[in-house]
N, C-alpha and C. Protein backbone atom coordinates (compact mmCIF):
# COMPACT_ATOMS: atom_id res chain seq x y z
N MET A 1 1.30 -3.85 28.04
CA MET A 1 1.35 -4.03 26.61
C MET A 1 2.78 -3.94 26.09
N ALA A 2 3.49 -2.92 26.53
CA ALA A 2 4.86 -2.75 26.11
C ALA A 2 5.72 -3.94 26.56
N TYR A 3 5.46 -4.42 27.75
CA TYR A 3 6.20 -5.53 28.29
C TYR A 3 6.02 -6.76 27.43
N ILE A 4 4.79 -7.06 27.03
CA ILE A 4 4.52 -8.22 26.23
C ILE A 4 5.21 -8.14 24.87
N VAL A 5 5.04 -7.01 24.21
CA VAL A 5 5.65 -6.82 22.89
C VAL A 5 7.15 -6.85 23.00
N GLY A 6 7.72 -6.23 24.00
CA GLY A 6 9.19 -6.19 24.21
C GLY A 6 9.70 -7.58 24.52
N SER A 7 8.97 -8.34 25.28
CA SER A 7 9.41 -9.70 25.63
C SER A 7 9.43 -10.60 24.38
N LEU A 8 8.47 -10.38 23.50
CA LEU A 8 8.36 -11.25 22.31
C LEU A 8 9.35 -10.85 21.19
N ILE A 9 9.45 -9.56 20.91
CA ILE A 9 10.26 -9.16 19.74
C ILE A 9 11.32 -8.11 20.04
N GLY A 10 11.43 -7.68 21.32
CA GLY A 10 12.34 -6.61 21.66
C GLY A 10 13.80 -6.99 21.55
N ARG A 11 14.55 -6.19 20.82
CA ARG A 11 16.02 -6.44 20.64
C ARG A 11 16.85 -5.16 20.90
N THR A 12 16.31 -4.01 20.50
CA THR A 12 17.09 -2.77 20.52
C THR A 12 16.84 -2.00 21.84
N PRO A 13 17.83 -1.85 22.69
CA PRO A 13 17.67 -1.13 23.94
C PRO A 13 17.17 0.30 23.71
N LEU A 14 16.22 0.72 24.55
CA LEU A 14 15.68 2.06 24.46
C LEU A 14 16.63 3.08 25.10
N SER A 15 17.18 2.74 26.29
CA SER A 15 17.98 3.70 27.02
C SER A 15 18.87 2.96 28.00
N SER A 16 20.00 3.52 28.28
CA SER A 16 20.89 2.94 29.28
C SER A 16 20.35 3.11 30.68
N ILE A 17 19.39 3.99 30.83
CA ILE A 17 18.76 4.23 32.14
C ILE A 17 18.02 2.98 32.56
N SER A 18 17.35 2.35 31.65
CA SER A 18 16.52 1.18 31.94
C SER A 18 16.84 0.16 30.86
N PRO A 19 17.88 -0.64 31.03
CA PRO A 19 18.38 -1.52 29.93
C PRO A 19 17.45 -2.58 29.44
N LYS A 20 16.42 -2.97 30.21
CA LYS A 20 15.51 -4.00 29.78
C LYS A 20 14.40 -3.46 28.86
N LYS A 21 14.28 -2.16 28.79
CA LYS A 21 13.24 -1.56 27.91
C LYS A 21 13.80 -1.52 26.49
N THR A 22 12.95 -1.86 25.51
CA THR A 22 13.39 -1.86 24.12
C THR A 22 12.55 -0.93 23.29
N TRP A 23 13.11 -0.49 22.15
CA TRP A 23 12.38 0.34 21.21
C TRP A 23 11.15 -0.44 20.68
N GLU A 24 11.32 -1.69 20.40
CA GLU A 24 10.20 -2.49 19.87
C GLU A 24 9.06 -2.59 20.88
N GLY A 25 9.44 -2.78 22.14
CA GLY A 25 8.39 -2.86 23.19
C GLY A 25 7.70 -1.53 23.40
N THR A 26 8.48 -0.46 23.36
CA THR A 26 7.90 0.89 23.54
C THR A 26 6.98 1.22 22.44
N LEU A 27 7.41 1.05 21.19
CA LEU A 27 6.56 1.39 20.05
C LEU A 27 5.35 0.47 19.97
N GLY A 28 5.53 -0.81 20.24
CA GLY A 28 4.40 -1.71 20.26
C GLY A 28 3.40 -1.39 21.34
N GLY A 29 3.91 -1.01 22.51
CA GLY A 29 3.02 -0.62 23.61
C GLY A 29 2.25 0.65 23.29
N ILE A 30 2.92 1.62 22.66
CA ILE A 30 2.23 2.84 22.26
C ILE A 30 1.14 2.55 21.27
N PHE A 31 1.48 1.75 20.26
CA PHE A 31 0.48 1.39 19.23
C PHE A 31 -0.72 0.66 19.83
N LEU A 32 -0.47 -0.35 20.66
CA LEU A 32 -1.56 -1.08 21.26
C LEU A 32 -2.42 -0.21 22.21
N CYS A 33 -1.73 0.71 22.93
CA CYS A 33 -2.46 1.65 23.81
C CYS A 33 -3.36 2.51 23.00
N VAL A 34 -2.88 3.06 21.92
CA VAL A 34 -3.72 3.99 21.07
C VAL A 34 -4.89 3.21 20.51
N VAL A 35 -4.64 2.02 19.99
CA VAL A 35 -5.75 1.22 19.40
C VAL A 35 -6.79 0.87 20.46
N ALA A 36 -6.35 0.34 21.59
CA ALA A 36 -7.32 -0.08 22.63
C ALA A 36 -8.12 1.08 23.19
N VAL A 37 -7.45 2.19 23.51
CA VAL A 37 -8.15 3.32 24.12
C VAL A 37 -9.09 3.93 23.09
N THR A 38 -8.66 4.06 21.84
CA THR A 38 -9.50 4.67 20.81
C THR A 38 -10.73 3.79 20.55
N LEU A 39 -10.55 2.50 20.42
CA LEU A 39 -11.73 1.64 20.23
C LEU A 39 -12.72 1.71 21.38
N PHE A 40 -12.15 1.70 22.62
CA PHE A 40 -13.03 1.83 23.82
C PHE A 40 -13.74 3.17 23.78
N GLY A 41 -13.07 4.23 23.49
CA GLY A 41 -13.66 5.55 23.49
C GLY A 41 -14.76 5.68 22.44
N ILE A 42 -14.54 5.11 21.27
CA ILE A 42 -15.52 5.20 20.20
C ILE A 42 -16.75 4.37 20.51
N TYR A 43 -16.54 3.09 20.85
CA TYR A 43 -17.66 2.15 20.93
C TYR A 43 -18.32 2.10 22.30
N VAL A 44 -17.61 2.43 23.37
CA VAL A 44 -18.21 2.38 24.69
C VAL A 44 -18.64 3.77 25.18
N LEU A 45 -17.79 4.75 24.91
CA LEU A 45 -18.08 6.09 25.43
C LEU A 45 -18.70 6.98 24.34
N ASN A 46 -18.81 6.49 23.11
CA ASN A 46 -19.39 7.28 21.98
C ASN A 46 -18.69 8.61 21.82
N GLY A 47 -17.39 8.59 21.91
CA GLY A 47 -16.59 9.83 21.79
C GLY A 47 -15.99 10.01 20.39
N GLU A 48 -15.29 11.07 20.26
CA GLU A 48 -14.62 11.39 18.99
C GLU A 48 -13.32 10.62 18.90
N ALA A 49 -13.07 10.00 17.77
CA ALA A 49 -11.84 9.23 17.58
C ALA A 49 -10.60 10.01 17.80
N TRP A 50 -10.54 11.24 17.24
CA TRP A 50 -9.32 12.02 17.32
C TRP A 50 -8.97 12.42 18.73
N ASP A 51 -10.01 12.66 19.56
CA ASP A 51 -9.76 12.95 20.98
C ASP A 51 -9.04 11.79 21.67
N PHE A 52 -9.58 10.58 21.42
CA PHE A 52 -9.00 9.41 22.08
C PHE A 52 -7.61 9.03 21.53
N ILE A 53 -7.43 9.27 20.23
CA ILE A 53 -6.09 9.04 19.64
C ILE A 53 -5.10 9.98 20.29
N ALA A 54 -5.42 11.25 20.44
CA ALA A 54 -4.52 12.23 21.04
C ALA A 54 -4.29 11.91 22.51
N ILE A 55 -5.32 11.63 23.26
CA ILE A 55 -5.19 11.37 24.69
C ILE A 55 -4.34 10.12 24.93
N SER A 56 -4.59 9.04 24.21
CA SER A 56 -3.82 7.81 24.41
C SER A 56 -2.39 7.97 23.92
N SER A 57 -2.16 8.74 22.89
CA SER A 57 -0.77 9.00 22.43
C SER A 57 0.00 9.80 23.48
N ILE A 58 -0.63 10.82 24.00
CA ILE A 58 0.01 11.63 25.05
C ILE A 58 0.29 10.78 26.28
N ALA A 59 -0.66 9.98 26.70
CA ALA A 59 -0.47 9.12 27.85
C ALA A 59 0.65 8.14 27.66
N ALA A 60 0.71 7.48 26.49
CA ALA A 60 1.71 6.48 26.25
C ALA A 60 3.13 7.10 26.17
N ILE A 61 3.24 8.21 25.49
CA ILE A 61 4.56 8.84 25.34
C ILE A 61 5.04 9.48 26.66
N ALA A 62 4.18 10.27 27.27
CA ALA A 62 4.57 10.92 28.55
C ALA A 62 4.76 9.86 29.64
N GLY A 63 3.98 8.80 29.61
CA GLY A 63 4.11 7.72 30.59
C GLY A 63 5.52 7.05 30.46
N THR A 64 5.95 6.88 29.24
CA THR A 64 7.30 6.28 29.02
C THR A 64 8.36 7.19 29.60
N PHE A 65 8.22 8.52 29.37
CA PHE A 65 9.21 9.44 29.95
C PHE A 65 9.14 9.43 31.45
N GLY A 66 7.94 9.33 32.03
CA GLY A 66 7.79 9.24 33.50
C GLY A 66 8.48 8.03 34.05
N ASP A 67 8.36 6.89 33.38
CA ASP A 67 9.00 5.70 33.84
C ASP A 67 10.51 5.83 33.76
N LEU A 68 11.05 6.39 32.69
CA LEU A 68 12.47 6.59 32.54
C LEU A 68 13.00 7.61 33.59
N LEU A 69 12.22 8.64 33.87
CA LEU A 69 12.61 9.63 34.83
C LEU A 69 12.74 8.98 36.22
N GLU A 70 11.76 8.16 36.60
CA GLU A 70 11.81 7.51 37.87
C GLU A 70 12.96 6.55 37.96
N SER A 71 13.25 5.83 36.89
CA SER A 71 14.39 4.92 36.86
C SER A 71 15.68 5.68 37.04
N LYS A 72 15.80 6.80 36.40
CA LYS A 72 16.99 7.65 36.53
C LYS A 72 17.16 8.15 37.96
N LEU A 73 16.04 8.58 38.60
CA LEU A 73 16.13 9.06 39.98
C LEU A 73 16.60 7.93 40.91
N LYS A 74 16.09 6.70 40.69
CA LYS A 74 16.52 5.56 41.50
C LYS A 74 18.01 5.27 41.28
N ARG A 75 18.48 5.37 40.04
CA ARG A 75 19.92 5.16 39.76
C ARG A 75 20.77 6.20 40.44
N LEU A 76 20.34 7.45 40.36
CA LEU A 76 21.09 8.53 41.03
C LEU A 76 21.14 8.37 42.53
N ALA A 77 20.05 7.80 43.10
CA ALA A 77 20.00 7.58 44.55
C ALA A 77 20.71 6.29 44.94
N GLY A 78 21.03 5.45 43.92
CA GLY A 78 21.75 4.20 44.21
C GLY A 78 20.88 3.16 44.86
N VAL A 79 19.58 3.15 44.52
CA VAL A 79 18.66 2.15 45.12
C VAL A 79 17.97 1.38 43.97
N LYS A 80 17.57 0.14 44.28
CA LYS A 80 16.88 -0.67 43.31
C LYS A 80 15.37 -0.42 43.37
N ASP A 81 14.85 -0.28 44.55
CA ASP A 81 13.42 -0.05 44.77
C ASP A 81 13.24 1.33 45.39
N SER A 82 12.10 1.99 45.06
CA SER A 82 11.83 3.30 45.62
C SER A 82 11.13 3.22 46.97
N GLY A 83 10.99 2.04 47.53
CA GLY A 83 10.38 1.89 48.86
C GLY A 83 10.28 0.42 49.20
N GLN A 84 9.81 0.17 50.41
CA GLN A 84 9.67 -1.21 50.92
C GLN A 84 8.25 -1.76 50.86
N ILE A 85 7.29 -0.94 50.50
CA ILE A 85 5.89 -1.36 50.53
C ILE A 85 5.64 -2.49 49.52
N MET A 86 6.26 -2.41 48.33
CA MET A 86 6.06 -3.40 47.29
C MET A 86 7.40 -3.93 46.84
N PRO A 87 8.11 -4.73 47.64
CA PRO A 87 9.41 -5.20 47.28
C PRO A 87 9.37 -6.08 46.02
N GLY A 88 10.40 -5.91 45.16
CA GLY A 88 10.45 -6.72 43.94
C GLY A 88 9.67 -6.10 42.78
N HIS A 89 8.94 -5.04 43.03
CA HIS A 89 8.15 -4.34 41.99
C HIS A 89 8.73 -2.97 41.72
N GLY A 90 9.90 -2.66 42.20
CA GLY A 90 10.50 -1.36 42.00
C GLY A 90 10.06 -0.38 43.04
N GLY A 91 9.21 -0.79 43.95
CA GLY A 91 8.74 0.11 44.99
C GLY A 91 7.41 0.73 44.62
N PHE A 92 6.82 1.43 45.58
CA PHE A 92 5.51 2.05 45.42
C PHE A 92 5.50 3.07 44.24
N LEU A 93 6.55 3.86 44.16
CA LEU A 93 6.58 4.92 43.13
C LEU A 93 6.59 4.34 41.73
N ASP A 94 7.12 3.13 41.60
CA ASP A 94 7.18 2.48 40.29
C ASP A 94 5.79 2.19 39.73
N ARG A 95 4.82 2.08 40.60
CA ARG A 95 3.42 1.78 40.15
C ARG A 95 2.75 3.03 39.57
N PHE A 96 3.28 4.19 39.92
CA PHE A 96 2.62 5.47 39.59
C PHE A 96 3.50 6.43 38.78
N ASP A 97 4.74 6.02 38.45
CA ASP A 97 5.67 6.94 37.80
C ASP A 97 5.14 7.45 36.46
N SER A 98 4.49 6.59 35.70
CA SER A 98 3.96 7.01 34.41
C SER A 98 2.82 7.99 34.58
N LEU A 99 1.95 7.74 35.58
CA LEU A 99 0.83 8.64 35.79
C LEU A 99 1.29 10.02 36.23
N LEU A 100 2.32 10.09 37.04
CA LEU A 100 2.79 11.38 37.58
C LEU A 100 3.16 12.35 36.46
N VAL A 101 3.67 11.81 35.33
CA VAL A 101 4.03 12.69 34.24
C VAL A 101 2.89 12.82 33.22
N ALA A 102 2.20 11.70 32.94
CA ALA A 102 1.19 11.70 31.88
C ALA A 102 -0.05 12.52 32.25
N VAL A 103 -0.53 12.43 33.49
CA VAL A 103 -1.81 13.10 33.86
C VAL A 103 -1.77 14.61 33.65
N PRO A 104 -0.71 15.31 34.05
CA PRO A 104 -0.73 16.77 33.79
C PRO A 104 -0.84 17.11 32.29
N PHE A 105 -0.14 16.36 31.45
CA PHE A 105 -0.20 16.62 30.00
C PHE A 105 -1.58 16.29 29.41
N ILE A 106 -2.19 15.24 29.88
CA ILE A 106 -3.55 14.88 29.44
C ILE A 106 -4.53 15.94 29.91
N TRP A 107 -4.40 16.40 31.14
CA TRP A 107 -5.29 17.40 31.68
C TRP A 107 -5.21 18.68 30.85
N ILE A 108 -3.97 19.10 30.52
CA ILE A 108 -3.80 20.31 29.74
C ILE A 108 -4.41 20.14 28.35
N PHE A 109 -4.23 19.00 27.73
CA PHE A 109 -4.84 18.71 26.42
C PHE A 109 -6.37 18.82 26.53
N CYS A 110 -6.95 18.21 27.55
CA CYS A 110 -8.40 18.17 27.70
C CYS A 110 -8.94 19.62 27.93
N ILE A 111 -8.26 20.39 28.71
CA ILE A 111 -8.70 21.75 28.96
C ILE A 111 -8.61 22.61 27.70
N LEU A 112 -7.57 22.47 26.94
CA LEU A 112 -7.36 23.29 25.78
C LEU A 112 -8.09 22.84 24.49
N PHE A 113 -8.26 21.52 24.33
CA PHE A 113 -8.68 21.03 22.99
C PHE A 113 -9.95 20.22 22.98
N THR A 114 -10.54 19.88 24.08
CA THR A 114 -11.80 19.07 24.03
C THR A 114 -12.96 19.91 24.52
N ARG A 115 -14.10 19.38 24.21
CA ARG A 115 -15.33 20.14 24.63
C ARG A 115 -15.69 19.93 26.06
């Protein structure tokens, strides 16, 4: 979602760590994530809107930080890809970098604030 929004209207770089990421793409991706997950949670899972708004917001924001963290680690190591399994995609770790940071925060939220 962020990629699509950033490709269409992105102009302002988010960070020097990952120069192709833009503020417009990031904010658009967060907004679309919150809307999609909340609608799915309400109409398919019959859940509480505020739970899904919080979970999707945490996932989108923490996921962005996870992606930037992994990009920074690759730059510090002086490599383009984090492995050879998926060449051209940033490596295997690039597929899961957002999850590695987002999942613990979502788990903590669910334990502390949901039924």
